[in-house]
């Protein structure tokens, strides 16, 4: 039982490290890009034995589908940069996902007001 908690903690640490480094990459390399300059990473989850990390983002741009496509197109370049900055033998694959928590919360607030 103790071992599972340690692995879970390791997943969280690796996911957090990847999130921090990718945020730095976005800040350093894509600050002049009109789509990616407004992206903020708000969460991360590691899974698949630390082979994959899902990064959740929000953006200032209303068209988050265009931002998603741009992030997907730049994933390979970001992963290469991530490999150079991480001190690990294996670098996980990264996948960006839009976080719609704020929109869902606003919708719930509107539903509750209408009751």
C-alpha atoms as a PDB file:
ATOM      1  CA  UNK A   1       0.000   0.000   0.000  1.00  0.00           C
ATOM      2  CA  UNK A   2       2.826   2.384   0.790  1.00  0.00           C
ATOM      3  CA  UNK A   3       4.414   1.754  -2.595  1.00  0.00           C
ATOM      4  CA  UNK A   4       1.323   2.893  -4.514  1.00  0.00           C
ATOM      5  CA  UNK A   5       1.386   6.236  -2.713  1.00  0.00           C
ATOM      6  CA  UNK A   6       5.041   6.704  -3.608  1.00  0.00           C
ATOM      7  CA  UNK A   7       4.362   6.022  -7.287  1.00  0.00           C
ATOM      8  CA  UNK A   8       1.398   8.372  -7.249  1.00  0.00           C
ATOM      9  CA  UNK A   9       3.573  11.038  -5.682  1.00  0.00           C
ATOM     10  CA  UNK A  10       6.218  10.464  -8.364  1.00  0.00           C
ATOM     11  CA  UNK A  11       3.576  10.851 -11.084  1.00  0.00           C
ATOM     12  CA  UNK A  12       2.529  14.159  -9.560  1.00  0.00           C
ATOM     13  CA  UNK A  13       6.124  15.375  -9.277  1.00  0.00           C
ATOM     14  CA  UNK A  14       6.967  14.484 -12.877  1.00  0.00           C
ATOM     15  CA  UNK A  15       3.734  16.024 -14.174  1.00  0.00           C
ATOM     16  CA  UNK A  16       4.382  19.202 -12.203  1.00  0.00           C
ATOM     17  CA  UNK A  17       7.966  19.384 -13.462  1.00  0.00           C
ATOM     18  CA  UNK A  18       6.851  18.951 -17.077  1.00  0.00           C
ATOM     19  CA  UNK A  19       4.165  21.613 -16.603  1.00  0.00           C
ATOM     20  CA  UNK A  20       6.689  24.093 -15.208  1.00  0.00           C
ATOM     21  CA  UNK A  21       9.254  23.487 -17.940  1.00  0.00           C
ATOM     22  CA  UNK A  22       6.694  23.653 -20.778  1.00  0.00           C
ATOM     23  CA  UNK A  23       5.349  26.914 -19.313  1.00  0.00           C
ATOM     24  CA  UNK A  24       8.905  28.277 -19.394  1.00  0.00           C
ATOM     25  CA  UNK A  25       9.292  27.096 -23.008  1.00  0.00           C
ATOM     26  CA  UNK A  26       6.050  28.852 -23.956  1.00  0.00           C
ATOM     27  CA  UNK A  27       7.237  32.024 -22.219  1.00  0.00           C
ATOM     28  CA  UNK A  28      10.758  31.936 -23.693  1.00  0.00           C
ATOM     29  CA  UNK A  29      10.102  30.750 -27.258  1.00  0.00           C
ATOM     30  CA  UNK A  30       6.520  31.744 -28.087  1.00  0.00           C
ATOM     31  CA  UNK A  31       6.021  35.120 -26.412  1.00  0.00           C
ATOM     32  CA  UNK A  32       5.706  36.862 -29.791  1.00  0.00           C
ATOM     33  CA  UNK A  33       3.193  34.357 -31.204  1.00  0.00           C
ATOM     34  CA  UNK A  34      -0.294  35.936 -31.050  1.00  0.00           C
ATOM     35  CA  UNK A  35      -2.036  32.610 -30.317  1.00  0.00           C
ATOM     36  CA  UNK A  36       0.408  31.036 -27.887  1.00  0.00           C
ATOM     37  CA  UNK A  37       1.383  34.157 -25.954  1.00  0.00           C
ATOM     38  CA  UNK A  38      -1.964  34.059 -24.125  1.00  0.00           C
ATOM     39  CA  UNK A  39      -1.749  30.405 -23.082  1.00  0.00           C
ATOM     40  CA  UNK A  40      -1.521  29.488 -19.402  1.00  0.00           C
ATOM     41  CA  UNK A  41      -0.986  25.953 -18.176  1.00  0.00           C
ATOM     42  CA  UNK A  42      -3.302  25.256 -15.252  1.00  0.00           C
ATOM     43  CA  UNK A  43      -2.811  21.575 -14.556  1.00  0.00           C
ATOM     44  CA  UNK A  44      -1.042  18.376 -15.472  1.00  0.00           C
ATOM     45  CA  UNK A  45      -1.574  14.641 -15.098  1.00  0.00           C
ATOM     46  CA  UNK A  46       1.002  11.913 -15.717  1.00  0.00           C
ATOM     47  CA  UNK A  47      -0.179   8.458 -16.719  1.00  0.00           C
ATOM     48  CA  UNK A  48       0.920   5.363 -18.580  1.00  0.00           C
ATOM     49  CA  UNK A  49       3.883   4.688 -16.340  1.00  0.00           C
ATOM     50  CA  UNK A  50       5.123   8.267 -16.786  1.00  0.00           C
ATOM     51  CA  UNK A  51       5.154   7.851 -20.564  1.00  0.00           C
ATOM     52  CA  UNK A  52       2.458  10.492 -21.114  1.00  0.00           C
ATOM     53  CA  UNK A  53       1.682  13.834 -19.516  1.00  0.00           C
ATOM     54  CA  UNK A  54      -1.566  15.653 -20.195  1.00  0.00           C
ATOM     55  CA  UNK A  55      -1.232  19.430 -19.856  1.00  0.00           C
ATOM     56  CA  UNK A  56      -4.393  21.463 -19.321  1.00  0.00           C
ATOM     57  CA  UNK A  57      -4.428  25.007 -20.644  1.00  0.00           C
ATOM     58  CA  UNK A  58      -6.597  28.103 -20.732  1.00  0.00           C
ATOM     59  CA  UNK A  59      -6.153  30.948 -23.172  1.00  0.00           C
ATOM     60  CA  UNK A  60      -7.134  34.550 -23.632  1.00  0.00           C
ATOM     61  CA  UNK A  61      -8.120  33.896 -27.237  1.00  0.00           C
ATOM     62  CA  UNK A  62     -11.792  32.987 -27.668  1.00  0.00           C
ATOM     63  CA  UNK A  63     -10.950  30.515 -30.427  1.00  0.00           C
ATOM     64  CA  UNK A  64      -9.420  27.805 -28.270  1.00  0.00           C
ATOM     65  CA  UNK A  65      -9.661  25.293 -31.146  1.00  0.00           C
ATOM     66  CA  UNK A  66      -7.110  27.322 -33.122  1.00  0.00           C
ATOM     67  CA  UNK A  67      -4.882  27.494 -30.046  1.00  0.00           C
ATOM     68  CA  UNK A  68      -5.243  23.719 -29.597  1.00  0.00           C
ATOM     69  CA  UNK A  69      -4.206  23.126 -33.224  1.00  0.00           C
ATOM     70  CA  UNK A  70      -1.194  25.430 -32.859  1.00  0.00           C
ATOM     71  CA  UNK A  71      -0.108  23.679 -29.648  1.00  0.00           C
ATOM     72  CA  UNK A  72      -0.502  20.285 -31.302  1.00  0.00           C
ATOM     73  CA  UNK A  73       1.615  21.479 -34.234  1.00  0.00           C
ATOM     74  CA  UNK A  74       4.350  22.720 -31.891  1.00  0.00           C
ATOM     75  CA  UNK A  75       4.325  19.678 -29.573  1.00  0.00           C
ATOM     76  CA  UNK A  76       7.282  17.989 -31.231  1.00  0.00           C
ATOM     77  CA  UNK A  77       9.432  21.122 -30.979  1.00  0.00           C
ATOM     78  CA  UNK A  78       8.404  21.647 -27.355  1.00  0.00           C
ATOM     79  CA  UNK A  79       9.163  18.037 -26.485  1.00  0.00           C
ATOM     80  CA  UNK A  80      12.649  18.380 -27.984  1.00  0.00           C
ATOM     81  CA  UNK A  81      13.229  21.480 -25.852  1.00  0.00           C
ATOM     82  CA  UNK A  82      11.747  19.659 -22.851  1.00  0.00           C
ATOM     83  CA  UNK A  83      14.259  16.821 -23.314  1.00  0.00           C
ATOM     84  CA  UNK A  84      17.113  19.307 -23.185  1.00  0.00           C
ATOM     85  CA  UNK A  85      15.844  20.930 -19.972  1.00  0.00           C
ATOM     86  CA  UNK A  86      14.759  17.809 -18.059  1.00  0.00           C
ATOM     87  CA  UNK A  87      17.187  15.719 -16.086  1.00  0.00           C
ATOM     88  CA  UNK A  88      15.557  12.361 -16.846  1.00  0.00           C
ATOM     89  CA  UNK A  89      16.442   9.357 -18.915  1.00  0.00           C
ATOM     90  CA  UNK A  90      13.072   9.286 -20.688  1.00  0.00           C
ATOM     91  CA  UNK A  91      10.991  12.284 -21.666  1.00  0.00           C
ATOM     92  CA  UNK A  92       7.225  11.736 -21.605  1.00  0.00           C
ATOM     93  CA  UNK A  93       4.966  12.438 -24.542  1.00  0.00           C
ATOM     94  CA  UNK A  94       2.915  15.582 -23.968  1.00  0.00           C
ATOM     95  CA  UNK A  95      -0.690  16.201 -24.944  1.00  0.00           C
ATOM     96  CA  UNK A  96      -2.441  19.542 -24.560  1.00  0.00           C
ATOM     97  CA  UNK A  97      -6.091  19.681 -23.537  1.00  0.00           C
ATOM     98  CA  UNK A  98      -8.289  22.750 -23.135  1.00  0.00           C
ATOM     99  CA  UNK A  99      -9.564  23.215 -19.575  1.00  0.00           C
ATOM    100  CA  UNK A 100     -13.184  24.339 -19.673  1.00  0.00           C
ATOM    101  CA  UNK A 101     -13.692  24.399 -15.906  1.00  0.00           C
ATOM    102  CA  UNK A 102     -14.334  28.155 -15.821  1.00  0.00           C
ATOM    103  CA  UNK A 103     -16.972  27.925 -18.555  1.00  0.00           C
ATOM    104  CA  UNK A 104     -18.704  24.995 -16.847  1.00  0.00           C
ATOM    105  CA  UNK A 105     -18.710  26.859 -13.518  1.00  0.00           C
ATOM    106  CA  UNK A 106     -20.235  29.933 -15.171  1.00  0.00           C
ATOM    107  CA  UNK A 107     -22.906  27.745 -16.761  1.00  0.00           C
ATOM    108  CA  UNK A 108     -23.719  26.142 -13.390  1.00  0.00           C
ATOM    109  CA  UNK A 109     -23.952  29.575 -11.771  1.00  0.00           C
ATOM    110  CA  UNK A 110     -26.370  30.680 -14.482  1.00  0.00           C
ATOM    111  CA  UNK A 111     -28.491  27.536 -14.005  1.00  0.00           C
ATOM    112  CA  UNK A 112     -28.597  28.068 -10.243  1.00  0.00           C
ATOM    113  CA  UNK A 113     -29.669  31.711 -10.686  1.00  0.00           C
ATOM    114  CA  UNK A 114     -32.545  30.605 -12.908  1.00  0.00           C
ATOM    115  CA  UNK A 115     -33.946  28.197 -10.315  1.00  0.00           C
END
